[in-house]
PDB file of N, CA and C in Angstrom:
ATOM      1  N   MET A   1     118.651  64.715 106.157  1.00  0.00           N
ATOM      2  CA  MET A   1     119.013  66.070 106.540  1.00  0.00           C
ATOM      3  C   MET A   1     117.825  66.731 107.244  1.00  0.00           C
ATOM      4  N   LYS A   2     118.069  67.290 108.399  1.00  0.00           N
ATOM      5  CA  LYS A   2     117.025  67.937 109.179  1.00  0.00           C
ATOM      6  C   LYS A   2     116.703  69.314 108.585  1.00  0.00           C
ATOM      7  N   SER A   3     115.437  69.671 108.616  1.00  0.00           N
ATOM      8  CA  SER A   3     115.028  70.970 108.084  1.00  0.00           C
ATOM      9  C   SER A   3     115.577  72.102 108.946  1.00  0.00           C
ATOM     10  N   PRO A   4     115.842  73.259 108.348  1.00  0.00           N
ATOM     11  CA  PRO A   4     116.312  74.409 109.132  1.00  0.00           C
ATOM     12  C   PRO A   4     115.322  74.803 110.231  1.00  0.00           C
ATOM     13  N   PHE A   5     114.043  74.621 109.969  1.00  0.00           N
ATOM     14  CA  PHE A   5     113.032  74.954 110.966  1.00  0.00           C
ATOM     15  C   PHE A   5     113.172  74.065 112.198  1.00  0.00           C
ATOM     16  N   LEU A   6     113.308  72.753 112.003  1.00  0.00           N
ATOM     17  CA  LEU A   6     113.460  71.837 113.130  1.00  0.00           C
ATOM     18  C   LEU A   6     114.758  72.096 113.881  1.00  0.00           C
ATOM     19  N   THR A   7     115.806  72.418 113.150  1.00  0.00           N
ATOM     20  CA  THR A   7     117.074  72.757 113.785  1.00  0.00           C
ATOM     21  C   THR A   7     116.920  73.997 114.659  1.00  0.00           C
ATOM     22  N   ALA A   8     116.222  75.005 114.150  1.00  0.00           N
ATOM     23  CA  ALA A   8     115.997  76.229 114.922  1.00  0.00           C
ATOM     24  C   ALA A   8     115.176  75.940 116.173  1.00  0.00           C
ATOM     25  N   LEU A   9     114.172  75.075 116.045  1.00  0.00           N
ATOM     26  CA  LEU A   9     113.351  74.714 117.205  1.00  0.00           C
ATOM     27  C   LEU A   9     114.176  74.031 118.293  1.00  0.00           C
ATOM     28  N   GLU A  10     115.143  73.242 117.890  1.00  0.00           N
ATOM     29  CA  GLU A  10     116.006  72.591 118.871  1.00  0.00           C
ATOM     30  C   GLU A  10     116.935  73.590 119.550  1.00  0.00           C
ATOM     31  N   ASP A  11     117.247  74.661 118.837  1.00  0.00           N
ATOM     32  CA  ASP A  11     118.210  75.647 119.316  1.00  0.00           C
ATOM     33  C   ASP A  11     117.590  76.679 120.249  1.00  0.00           C
ATOM     34  N   ARG A  12     116.356  77.082 119.988  1.00  0.00           N
ATOM     35  CA  ARG A  12     115.741  78.154 120.771  1.00  0.00           C
ATOM     36  C   ARG A  12     114.232  78.151 120.594  1.00  0.00           C
ATOM     37  N   ILE A  13     113.577  78.968 121.369  1.00  0.00           N
ATOM     38  CA  ILE A  13     112.131  79.166 121.229  1.00  0.00           C
ATOM     39  C   ILE A  13     111.905  80.124 120.069  1.00  0.00           C
ATOM     40  N   LEU A  14     110.997  79.770 119.170  1.00  0.00           N
ATOM     41  CA  LEU A  14     110.672  80.646 118.047  1.00  0.00           C
ATOM     42  C   LEU A  14     109.408  81.426 118.368  1.00  0.00           C
ATOM     43  N   LEU A  15     109.402  82.675 117.995  1.00  0.00           N
ATOM     44  CA  LEU A  15     108.252  83.542 118.226  1.00  0.00           C
ATOM     45  C   LEU A  15     107.464  83.714 116.936  1.00  0.00           C
ATOM     46  N   ALA A  16     106.158  83.629 117.054  1.00  0.00           N
ATOM     47  CA  ALA A  16     105.274  83.826 115.903  1.00  0.00           C
ATOM     48  C   ALA A  16     104.577  85.178 116.022  1.00  0.00           C
ATOM     49  N   ASP A  17     104.135  85.685 114.902  1.00  0.00           N
ATOM     50  CA  ASP A  17     103.369  86.927 114.925  1.00  0.00           C
ATOM     51  C   ASP A  17     102.004  86.671 115.550  1.00  0.00           C
ATOM     52  N   GLY A  18     101.188  87.690 115.624  1.00  0.00           N
ATOM     53  CA  GLY A  18      99.910  87.565 116.319  1.00  0.00           C
ATOM     54  C   GLY A  18      98.715  87.644 115.405  1.00  0.00           C
ATOM     55  N   ALA A  19      97.704  88.293 115.872  1.00  0.00           N
ATOM     56  CA  ALA A  19      96.411  88.352 115.197  1.00  0.00           C
ATOM     57  C   ALA A  19      96.432  89.378 114.066  1.00  0.00           C
ATOM     58  N   LEU A  20      96.759  88.929 112.877  1.00  0.00           N
ATOM     59  CA  LEU A  20      96.849  89.816 111.717  1.00  0.00           C
ATOM     60  C   LEU A  20      95.514  90.489 111.420  1.00  0.00           C
ATOM     61  N   GLY A  21      94.436  89.729 111.435  1.00  0.00           N
ATOM     62  CA  GLY A  21      93.116  90.298 111.158  1.00  0.00           C
ATOM     63  C   GLY A  21      92.715  91.363 112.161  1.00  0.00           C
ATOM     64  N   THR A  22      93.058  91.146 113.416  1.00  0.00           N
ATOM     65  CA  THR A  22      92.742  92.116 114.455  1.00  0.00           C
ATOM     66  C   THR A  22      93.488  93.423 114.206  1.00  0.00           C
ATOM     67  N   LEU A  23      94.756  93.324 113.810  1.00  0.00           N
ATOM     68  CA  LEU A  23      95.517  94.543 113.516  1.00  0.00           C
ATOM     69  C   LEU A  23      95.019  95.232 112.254  1.00  0.00           C
ATOM     70  N   LEU A  24      94.632  94.475 111.255  1.00  0.00           N
ATOM     71  CA  LEU A  24      94.071  95.094 110.051  1.00  0.00           C
ATOM     72  C   LEU A  24      92.843  95.917 110.406  1.00  0.00           C
ATOM     73  N   GLN A  25      92.016  95.358 111.244  1.00  0.00           N
ATOM     74  CA  GLN A  25      90.810  96.066 111.674  1.00  0.00           C
ATOM     75  C   GLN A  25      91.169  97.275 112.535  1.00  0.00           C
ATOM     76  N   ALA A  26      92.088  97.108 113.449  1.00  0.00           N
ATOM     77  CA  ALA A  26      92.481  98.205 114.335  1.00  0.00           C
ATOM     78  C   ALA A  26      93.129  99.348 113.567  1.00  0.00           C
ATOM     79  N   ARG A  27      93.756  99.007 112.440  1.00  0.00           N
ATOM     80  CA  ARG A  27      94.488 100.025 111.681  1.00  0.00           C
ATOM     81  C   ARG A  27      93.703 100.583 110.492  1.00  0.00           C
ATOM     82  N   SER A  28      92.440 100.230 110.341  1.00  0.00           N
ATOM     83  CA  SER A  28      91.601 100.931 109.356  1.00  0.00           C
ATOM     84  C   SER A  28      90.564 100.092 108.633  1.00  0.00           C
ATOM     85  N   LEU A  29      90.725  98.789 108.548  1.00  0.00           N
ATOM     86  CA  LEU A  29      89.745  98.022 107.782  1.00  0.00           C
ATOM     87  C   LEU A  29      88.472  97.811 108.602  1.00  0.00           C
ATOM     88  N   PRO A  30      87.301  98.008 107.984  1.00  0.00           N
ATOM     89  CA  PRO A  30      86.054  97.757 108.710  1.00  0.00           C
ATOM     90  C   PRO A  30      85.886  96.267 109.012  1.00  0.00           C
ATOM     91  N   GLN A  31      85.125  95.968 110.046  1.00  0.00           N
ATOM     92  CA  GLN A  31      84.953  94.597 110.506  1.00  0.00           C
ATOM     93  C   GLN A  31      84.375  93.694 109.416  1.00  0.00           C
ATOM     94  N   ASN A  32      83.524  94.210 108.557  1.00  0.00           N
ATOM     95  CA  ASN A  32      82.904  93.383 107.516  1.00  0.00           C
ATOM     96  C   ASN A  32      83.720  93.343 106.225  1.00  0.00           C
ATOM     97  N   ALA A  33      84.911  93.908 106.233  1.00  0.00           N
ATOM     98  CA  ALA A  33      85.762  93.904 105.037  1.00  0.00           C
ATOM     99  C   ALA A  33      86.335  92.513 104.797  1.00  0.00           C
ATOM    100  N   CYS A  34      86.748  92.282 103.586  1.00  0.00           N
ATOM    101  CA  CYS A  34      87.476  91.059 103.250  1.00  0.00           C
ATOM    102  C   CYS A  34      88.950  91.330 103.550  1.00  0.00           C
ATOM    103  N   PHE A  35      89.436  90.829 104.680  1.00  0.00           N
ATOM    104  CA  PHE A  35      90.805  91.119 105.100  1.00  0.00           C
ATOM    105  C   PHE A  35      91.830  90.594 104.096  1.00  0.00           C
ATOM    106  N   GLU A  36      91.525  89.483 103.447  1.00  0.00           N
ATOM    107  CA  GLU A  36      92.454  88.917 102.460  1.00  0.00           C
ATOM    108  C   GLU A  36      92.631  89.846 101.264  1.00  0.00           C
ATOM    109  N   ALA A  37      91.598  90.596 100.907  1.00  0.00           N
ATOM    110  CA  ALA A  37      91.693  91.525  99.776  1.00  0.00           C
ATOM    111  C   ALA A  37      92.638  92.678 100.077  1.00  0.00           C
ATOM    112  N   ALA A  38      92.980  92.884 101.335  1.00  0.00           N
ATOM    113  CA  ALA A  38      93.902  93.958 101.694  1.00  0.00           C
ATOM    114  C   ALA A  38      95.263  93.766 101.033  1.00  0.00           C
ATOM    115  N   VAL A  39      95.641  92.533 100.723  1.00  0.00           N
ATOM    116  CA  VAL A  39      96.937  92.324 100.062  1.00  0.00           C
ATOM    117  C   VAL A  39      96.959  92.955  98.674  1.00  0.00           C
ATOM    118  N   LEU A  40      95.796  93.099  98.064  1.00  0.00           N
ATOM    119  CA  LEU A  40      95.709  93.751  96.759  1.00  0.00           C
ATOM    120  C   LEU A  40      95.376  95.236  96.893  1.00  0.00           C
ATOM    121  N   ASP A  41      94.442  95.552  97.792  1.00  0.00           N
ATOM    122  CA  ASP A  41      93.914  96.909  97.893  1.00  0.00           C
ATOM    123  C   ASP A  41      94.678  97.795  98.864  1.00  0.00           C
ATOM    124  N   ASN A  42      95.370  97.204  99.805  1.00  0.00           N
ATOM    125  CA  ASN A  42      96.049  97.969 100.846  1.00  0.00           C
ATOM    126  C   ASN A  42      97.341  97.252 101.246  1.00  0.00           C
ATOM    127  N   ALA A  43      98.152  96.942 100.237  1.00  0.00           N
ATOM    128  CA  ALA A  43      99.368  96.152 100.454  1.00  0.00           C
ATOM    129  C   ALA A  43     100.329  96.825 101.426  1.00  0.00           C
ATOM    130  N   ASP A  44     100.407  98.154 101.410  1.00  0.00           N
ATOM    131  CA  ASP A  44     101.323  98.850 102.320  1.00  0.00           C
ATOM    132  C   ASP A  44     100.950  98.593 103.780  1.00  0.00           C
ATOM    133  N   LEU A  45      99.657  98.557 104.072  1.00  0.00           N
ATOM    134  CA  LEU A  45      99.206  98.279 105.435  1.00  0.00           C
ATOM    135  C   LEU A  45      99.618  96.870 105.856  1.00  0.00           C
ATOM    136  N   VAL A  46      99.375  95.898 105.000  1.00  0.00           N
ATOM    137  CA  VAL A  46      99.743  94.510 105.310  1.00  0.00           C
ATOM    138  C   VAL A  46     101.259  94.403 105.488  1.00  0.00           C
ATOM    139  N   ARG A  47     102.018  95.032 104.602  1.00  0.00           N
ATOM    140  CA  ARG A  47     103.482  95.010 104.689  1.00  0.00           C
ATOM    141  C   ARG A  47     103.958  95.622 106.010  1.00  0.00           C
ATOM    142  N   ARG A  48     103.383  96.753 106.407  1.00  0.00           N
ATOM    143  CA  ARG A  48     103.781  97.404 107.663  1.00  0.00           C
ATOM    144  C   ARG A  48     103.499  96.511 108.868  1.00  0.00           C
ATOM    145  N   ILE A  49     102.383  95.810 108.842  1.00  0.00           N
ATOM    146  CA  ILE A  49     102.071  94.901 109.955  1.00  0.00           C
ATOM    147  C   ILE A  49     103.097  93.778 110.026  1.00  0.00           C
ATOM    148  N   HIS A  50     103.441  93.192 108.893  1.00  0.00           N
ATOM    149  CA  HIS A  50     104.481  92.154 108.881  1.00  0.00           C
ATOM    150  C   HIS A  50     105.787  92.727 109.426  1.00  0.00           C
ATOM    151  N   GLN A  51     106.166  93.910 108.968  1.00  0.00           N
ATOM    152  CA  GLN A  51     107.418  94.529 109.417  1.00  0.00           C
ATOM    153  C   GLN A  51     107.393  94.815 110.912  1.00  0.00           C
ATOM    154  N   ASP A  52     106.251  95.248 111.412  1.00  0.00           N
ATOM    155  CA  ASP A  52     106.134  95.520 112.844  1.00  0.00           C
ATOM    156  C   ASP A  52     106.311  94.245 113.666  1.00  0.00           C
ATOM    157  N   TYR A  53     105.723  93.151 113.214  1.00  0.00           N
ATOM    158  CA  TYR A  53     105.890  91.884 113.923  1.00  0.00           C
ATOM    159  C   TYR A  53     107.345  91.416 113.877  1.00  0.00           C
ATOM    160  N   ILE A  54     107.988  91.573 112.742  1.00  0.00           N
ATOM    161  CA  ILE A  54     109.394  91.177 112.620  1.00  0.00           C
ATOM    162  C   ILE A  54     110.256  92.047 113.526  1.00  0.00           C
ATOM    163  N   ALA A  55     109.994  93.352 113.535  1.00  0.00           N
ATOM    164  CA  ALA A  55     110.753  94.260 114.406  1.00  0.00           C
ATOM    165  C   ALA A  55     110.565  93.901 115.877  1.00  0.00           C
ATOM    166  N   ALA A  56     109.408  93.343 116.213  1.00  0.00           N
ATOM    167  CA  ALA A  56     109.133  92.932 117.589  1.00  0.00           C
ATOM    168  C   ALA A  56     109.773  91.582 117.923  1.00  0.00           C
ATOM    169  N   GLY A  57     110.380  90.918 116.932  1.00  0.00           N
ATOM    170  CA  GLY A  57     111.105  89.680 117.189  1.00  0.00           C
ATOM    171  C   GLY A  57     110.492  88.417 116.636  1.00  0.00           C
ATOM    172  N   ALA A  58     109.444  88.524 115.832  1.00  0.00           N
ATOM    173  CA  ALA A  58     108.801  87.321 115.293  1.00  0.00           C
ATOM    174  C   ALA A  58     109.738  86.576 114.342  1.00  0.00           C
ATOM    175  N   ASP A  59     109.794  85.272 114.507  1.00  0.00           N
ATOM    176  CA  ASP A  59     110.535  84.391 113.603  1.00  0.00           C
ATOM    177  C   ASP A  59     109.608  83.765 112.570  1.00  0.00           C
ATOM    178  N   ILE A  60     108.338  83.687 112.899  1.00  0.00           N
ATOM    179  CA  ILE A  60     107.333  83.045 112.052  1.00  0.00           C
ATOM    180  C   ILE A  60     106.315  84.112 111.669  1.00  0.00           C
ATOM    181  N   ILE A  61     106.118  84.286 110.378  1.00  0.00           N
ATOM    182  CA  ILE A  61     105.210  85.306 109.857  1.00  0.00           C
ATOM    183  C   ILE A  61     104.029  84.619 109.186  1.00  0.00           C
ATOM    184  N   GLU A  62     102.841  85.025 109.558  1.00  0.00           N
ATOM    185  CA  GLU A  62     101.604  84.485 108.984  1.00  0.00           C
ATOM    186  C   GLU A  62     101.190  85.339 107.787  1.00  0.00           C
ATOM    187  N   THR A  63     100.880  84.697 106.682  1.00  0.00           N
ATOM    188  CA  THR A  63     100.390  85.429 105.518  1.00  0.00           C
ATOM    189  C   THR A  63      98.948  85.867 105.752  1.00  0.00           C
ATOM    190  N   ASP A  64      98.524  86.862 105.018  1.00  0.00           N
ATOM    191  CA  ASP A  64      97.145  87.362 105.111  1.00  0.00           C
ATOM    192  C   ASP A  64      96.265  86.564 104.144  1.00  0.00           C
ATOM    193  N   THR A  65      96.153  85.255 104.407  1.00  0.00           N
ATOM    194  CA  THR A  65      95.431  84.368 103.483  1.00  0.00           C
ATOM    195  C   THR A  65      94.456  83.433 104.200  1.00  0.00           C
ATOM    196  N   PHE A  66      94.067  83.756 105.418  1.00  0.00           N
ATOM    197  CA  PHE A  66      93.228  82.848 106.194  1.00  0.00           C
ATOM    198  C   PHE A  66      91.959  82.435 105.447  1.00  0.00           C
ATOM    199  N   GLY A  67      91.286  83.385 104.838  1.00  0.00           N
ATOM    200  CA  GLY A  67      90.073  83.084 104.070  1.00  0.00           C
ATOM    201  C   GLY A  67      90.326  83.107 102.576  1.00  0.00           C
ATOM    202  N   GLY A  68      91.542  82.788 102.164  1.00  0.00           N
ATOM    203  CA  GLY A  68      91.915  82.878 100.753  1.00  0.00           C
ATOM    204  C   GLY A  68      91.503  81.681  99.930  1.00  0.00           C
ATOM    205  N   ASN A  69      90.271  81.253 100.073  1.00  0.00           N
ATOM    206  CA  ASN A  69      89.752  80.151  99.269  1.00  0.00           C
ATOM    207  C   ASN A  69      88.527  80.634  98.488  1.00  0.00           C
ATOM    208  N   ARG A  70      88.176  79.901  97.467  1.00  0.00           N
ATOM    209  CA  ARG A  70      87.100  80.309  96.550  1.00  0.00           C
ATOM    210  C   ARG A  70      85.771  80.528  97.277  1.00  0.00           C
ATOM    211  N   TYR A  71      85.457  79.663  98.204  1.00  0.00           N
ATOM    212  CA  TYR A  71      84.175  79.771  98.899  1.00  0.00           C
ATOM    213  C   TYR A  71      84.101  81.045  99.734  1.00  0.00           C
ATOM    214  N   ARG A  72      85.107  81.282 100.548  1.00  0.00           N
ATOM    215  CA  ARG A  72      85.099  82.459 101.415  1.00  0.00           C
ATOM    216  C   ARG A  72      85.201  83.749 100.617  1.00  0.00           C
ATOM    217  N   LEU A  73      86.020  83.761  99.582  1.00  0.00           N
ATOM    218  CA  LEU A  73      86.179  84.980  98.784  1.00  0.00           C
ATOM    219  C   LEU A  73      84.930  85.298  97.966  1.00  0.00           C
ATOM    220  N   ALA A  74      84.138  84.273  97.639  1.00  0.00           N
ATOM    221  CA  ALA A  74      82.899  84.490  96.876  1.00  0.00           C
ATOM    222  C   ALA A  74      81.922  85.367  97.655  1.00  0.00           C
ATOM    223  N   LYS A  75      81.997  85.332  98.972  1.00  0.00           N
ATOM    224  CA  LYS A  75      81.120  86.176  99.787  1.00  0.00           C
ATOM    225  C   LYS A  75      81.380  87.660  99.546  1.00  0.00           C
ATOM    226  N   HIS A  76      82.538  87.973  98.980  1.00  0.00           N
ATOM    227  CA  HIS A  76      82.914  89.356  98.692  1.00  0.00           C
ATOM    228  C   HIS A  76      83.037  89.598  97.187  1.00  0.00           C
ATOM    229  N   GLY A  77      82.570  88.638  96.377  1.00  0.00           N
ATOM    230  CA  GLY A  77      82.666  88.766  94.929  1.00  0.00           C
ATOM    231  C   GLY A  77      84.087  88.639  94.410  1.00  0.00           C
ATOM    232  N   LEU A  78      84.945  87.945  95.148  1.00  0.00           N
ATOM    233  CA  LEU A  78      86.368  87.848  94.795  1.00  0.00           C
ATOM    234  C   LEU A  78      86.813  86.425  94.466  1.00  0.00           C
ATOM    235  N   GLU A  79      85.875  85.547  94.158  1.00  0.00           N
ATOM    236  CA  GLU A  79      86.238  84.141  93.916  1.00  0.00           C
ATOM    237  C   GLU A  79      87.204  83.971  92.750  1.00  0.00           C
ATOM    238  N   ALA A  80      87.225  84.898  91.817  1.00  0.00           N
ATOM    239  CA  ALA A  80      88.153  84.822  90.685  1.00  0.00           C
ATOM    240  C   ALA A  80      89.559  85.295  91.061  1.00  0.00           C
ATOM    241  N   LYS A  81      89.732  85.791  92.261  1.00  0.00           N
ATOM    242  CA  LYS A  81      91.018  86.352  92.701  1.00  0.00           C
ATOM    243  C   LYS A  81      91.765  85.444  93.683  1.00  0.00           C
ATOM    244  N   VAL A  82      91.360  84.180  93.794  1.00  0.00           N
ATOM    245  CA  VAL A  82      91.984  83.266  94.758  1.00  0.00           C
ATOM    246  C   VAL A  82      93.495  83.218  94.565  1.00  0.00           C
ATOM    247  N   ARG A  83      93.931  82.968  93.358  1.00  0.00           N
ATOM    248  CA  ARG A  83      95.368  82.868  93.089  1.00  0.00           C
ATOM    249  C   ARG A  83      96.070  84.183  93.380  1.00  0.00           C
ATOM    250  N   ASP A  84      95.522  85.281  92.873  1.00  0.00           N
ATOM    251  CA  ASP A  84      96.156  86.589  93.050  1.00  0.00           C
ATOM    252  C   ASP A  84      96.316  86.941  94.529  1.00  0.00           C
ATOM    253  N   ILE A  85      95.274  86.716  95.301  1.00  0.00           N
ATOM    254  CA  ILE A  85      95.295  87.052  96.721  1.00  0.00           C
ATOM    255  C   ILE A  85      96.313  86.182  97.466  1.00  0.00           C
ATOM    256  N   ASN A  86      96.314  84.892  97.219  1.00  0.00           N
ATOM    257  CA  ASN A  86      97.252  84.004  97.911  1.00  0.00           C
ATOM    258  C   ASN A  86      98.690  84.258  97.484  1.00  0.00           C
ATOM    259  N   PHE A  87      98.895  84.494  96.216  1.00  0.00           N
ATOM    260  CA  PHE A  87     100.248  84.775  95.713  1.00  0.00           C
ATOM    261  C   PHE A  87     100.779  86.072  96.319  1.00  0.00           C
ATOM    262  N   LYS A  88      99.970  87.121  96.271  1.00  0.00           N
ATOM    263  CA  LYS A  88     100.401  88.423  96.796  1.00  0.00           C
ATOM    264  C   LYS A  88     100.560  88.362  98.318  1.00  0.00           C
ATOM    265  N   GLY A  89      99.684  87.653  99.009  1.00  0.00           N
ATOM    266  CA  GLY A  89      99.818  87.510 100.455  1.00  0.00           C
ATOM    267  C   GLY A  89     101.135  86.836 100.828  1.00  0.00           C
ATOM    268  N   ALA A  90     101.487  85.799 100.101  1.00  0.00           N
ATOM    269  CA  ALA A  90     102.750  85.105 100.357  1.00  0.00           C
ATOM    270  C   ALA A  90     103.940  85.993 100.025  1.00  0.00           C
ATOM    271  N   ARG A  91     103.851  86.713  98.933  1.00  0.00           N
ATOM    272  CA  ARG A  91     104.958  87.587  98.526  1.00  0.00           C
ATOM    273  C   ARG A  91     105.190  88.711  99.537  1.00  0.00           C
ATOM    274  N   LEU A  92     104.114  89.321 100.022  1.00  0.00           N
ATOM    275  CA  LEU A  92     104.259  90.404 101.001  1.00  0.00           C
ATOM    276  C   LEU A  92     104.957  89.911 102.265  1.00  0.00           C
ATOM    277  N   ALA A  93     104.542  88.761 102.777  1.00  0.00           N
ATOM    278  CA  ALA A  93     105.158  88.206 103.986  1.00  0.00           C
ATOM    279  C   ALA A  93     106.607  87.815 103.717  1.00  0.00           C
ATOM    280  N   ARG A  94     106.856  87.171 102.598  1.00  0.00           N
ATOM    281  CA  ARG A  94     108.225  86.753 102.254  1.00  0.00           C
ATOM    282  C   ARG A  94     109.152  87.957 102.123  1.00  0.00           C
ATOM    283  N   ASP A  95     108.703  88.972 101.417  1.00  0.00           N
ATOM    284  CA  ASP A  95     109.541  90.149 101.212  1.00  0.00           C
ATOM    285  C   ASP A  95     109.817  90.892 102.515  1.00  0.00           C
ATOM    286  N   ALA A  96     108.825  90.946 103.383  1.00  0.00           N
ATOM    287  CA  ALA A  96     109.039  91.578 104.691  1.00  0.00           C
ATOM    288  C   ALA A  96     110.103  90.810 105.468  1.00  0.00           C
ATOM    289  N   GLY A  97     110.060  89.493 105.404  1.00  0.00           N
ATOM    290  CA  GLY A  97     111.057  88.679 106.081  1.00  0.00           C
ATOM    291  C   GLY A  97     112.439  88.840 105.494  1.00  0.00           C
ATOM    292  N   ARG A  98     112.520  88.937 104.198  1.00  0.00           N
ATOM    293  CA  ARG A  98     113.826  89.080 103.545  1.00  0.00           C
ATOM    294  C   ARG A  98     114.462  90.440 103.820  1.00  0.00           C
ATOM    295  N   ALA A  99     113.654  91.447 104.096  1.00  0.00           N
ATOM    296  CA  ALA A  99     114.170  92.790 104.340  1.00  0.00           C
ATOM    297  C   ALA A  99     114.815  92.908 105.720  1.00  0.00           C
ATOM    298  N   ASP A 100     114.585  91.938 106.591  1.00  0.00           N
ATOM    299  CA  ASP A 100     115.127  91.978 107.944  1.00  0.00           C
ATOM    300  C   ASP A 100     116.498  91.309 107.952  1.00  0.00           C
ATOM    301  N   PRO A 101     117.472  91.898 108.685  1.00  0.00           N
ATOM    302  CA  PRO A 101     118.800  91.281 108.699  1.00  0.00           C
ATOM    303  C   PRO A 101     118.833  89.921 109.410  1.00  0.00           C
ATOM    304  N   ARG A 102     117.878  89.680 110.337  1.00  0.00           N
ATOM    305  CA  ARG A 102     117.795  88.362 110.948  1.00  0.00           C
ATOM    306  C   ARG A 102     117.155  87.419 109.937  1.00  0.00           C
ATOM    307  N   GLU A 103     117.309  86.165 110.163  1.00  0.00           N
ATOM    308  CA  GLU A 103     116.660  85.187 109.294  1.00  0.00           C
ATOM    309  C   GLU A 103     115.271  84.887 109.846  1.00  0.00           C
ATOM    310  N   VAL A 104     114.241  85.328 109.138  1.00  0.00           N
ATOM    311  CA  VAL A 104     112.888  84.940 109.517  1.00  0.00           C
ATOM    312  C   VAL A 104     112.729  83.515 109.011  1.00  0.00           C
ATOM    313  N   ARG A 105     112.388  82.610 109.889  1.00  0.00           N
ATOM    314  CA  ARG A 105     112.526  81.193 109.606  1.00  0.00           C
ATOM    315  C   ARG A 105     111.366  80.537 108.871  1.00  0.00           C
ATOM    316  N   LEU A 106     110.191  81.106 108.973  1.00  0.00           N
ATOM    317  CA  LEU A 106     109.050  80.394 108.411  1.00  0.00           C
ATOM    318  C   LEU A 106     107.952  81.361 108.016  1.00  0.00           C
ATOM    319  N   LEU A 107     107.368  81.097 106.870  1.00  0.00           N
ATOM    320  CA  LEU A 107     106.128  81.752 106.476  1.00  0.00           C
ATOM    321  C   LEU A 107     105.020  80.748 106.703  1.00  0.00           C
ATOM    322  N   PHE A 108     103.960  81.183 107.302  1.00  0.00           N
ATOM    323  CA  PHE A 108     102.834  80.309 107.614  1.00  0.00           C
ATOM    324  C   PHE A 108     101.653  80.735 106.754  1.00  0.00           C
ATOM    325  N   PHE A 109     101.066  79.803 106.038  1.00  0.00           N
ATOM    326  CA  PHE A 109      99.955  80.071 105.130  1.00  0.00           C
ATOM    327  C   PHE A 109      98.674  79.485 105.722  1.00  0.00           C
ATOM    328  N   PRO A 110      97.998  80.225 106.568  1.00  0.00           N
ATOM    329  CA  PRO A 110      96.789  79.685 107.203  1.00  0.00           C
ATOM    330  C   PRO A 110      95.602  79.668 106.247  1.00  0.00           C
ATOM    331  N   PHE A 111      94.769  78.685 106.386  1.00  0.00           N
ATOM    332  CA  PHE A 111      93.516  78.643 105.655  1.00  0.00           C
ATOM    333  C   PHE A 111      92.405  78.353 106.641  1.00  0.00           C
ATOM    334  N   GLY A 112      91.391  79.188 106.587  1.00  0.00           N
ATOM    335  CA  GLY A 112      90.256  79.041 107.500  1.00  0.00           C
ATOM    336  C   GLY A 112      89.257  78.036 106.980  1.00  0.00           C
ATOM    337  N   ALA A 113      88.161  77.966 107.697  1.00  0.00           N
ATOM    338  CA  ALA A 113      87.081  77.049 107.337  1.00  0.00           C
ATOM    339  C   ALA A 113      86.510  77.417 105.967  1.00  0.00           C
ATOM    340  N   GLN A 114      86.003  76.437 105.294  1.00  0.00           N
ATOM    341  CA  GLN A 114      85.405  76.650 103.983  1.00  0.00           C
ATOM    342  C   GLN A 114      84.019  77.291 104.095  1.00  0.00           C
ATOM    343  N   ALA A 115      83.380  77.139 105.219  1.00  0.00           N
ATOM    344  CA  ALA A 115      82.010  77.650 105.384  1.00  0.00           C
ATOM    345  C   ALA A 115      81.989  79.084 105.815  1.00  0.00           C
TER     346      ALA A 115
END
């Protein structure tokens, strides 16, 4: 059985959201902030960005988890929050997708470099 994602790709071009970190910064977070912590500290902002991308036609939503690993989060004293940040980041993106009457086809969980 073919995955719904592959079926959708055969049917049409899928649109992905854009630079989540850039929008977080443009909408209030300082450049040196831990953008992943925004899912806990500023969930409404992250949710609005997901909703804006979906309203613009995105089929693929990226979670706010690029640096959601123990090494990167330790730079901000958040290494104990790896699970919480990744779980909440996934939930925010998933819920934003479910709130849209169209079917958002994929949640993307990016992970950046460990260094």
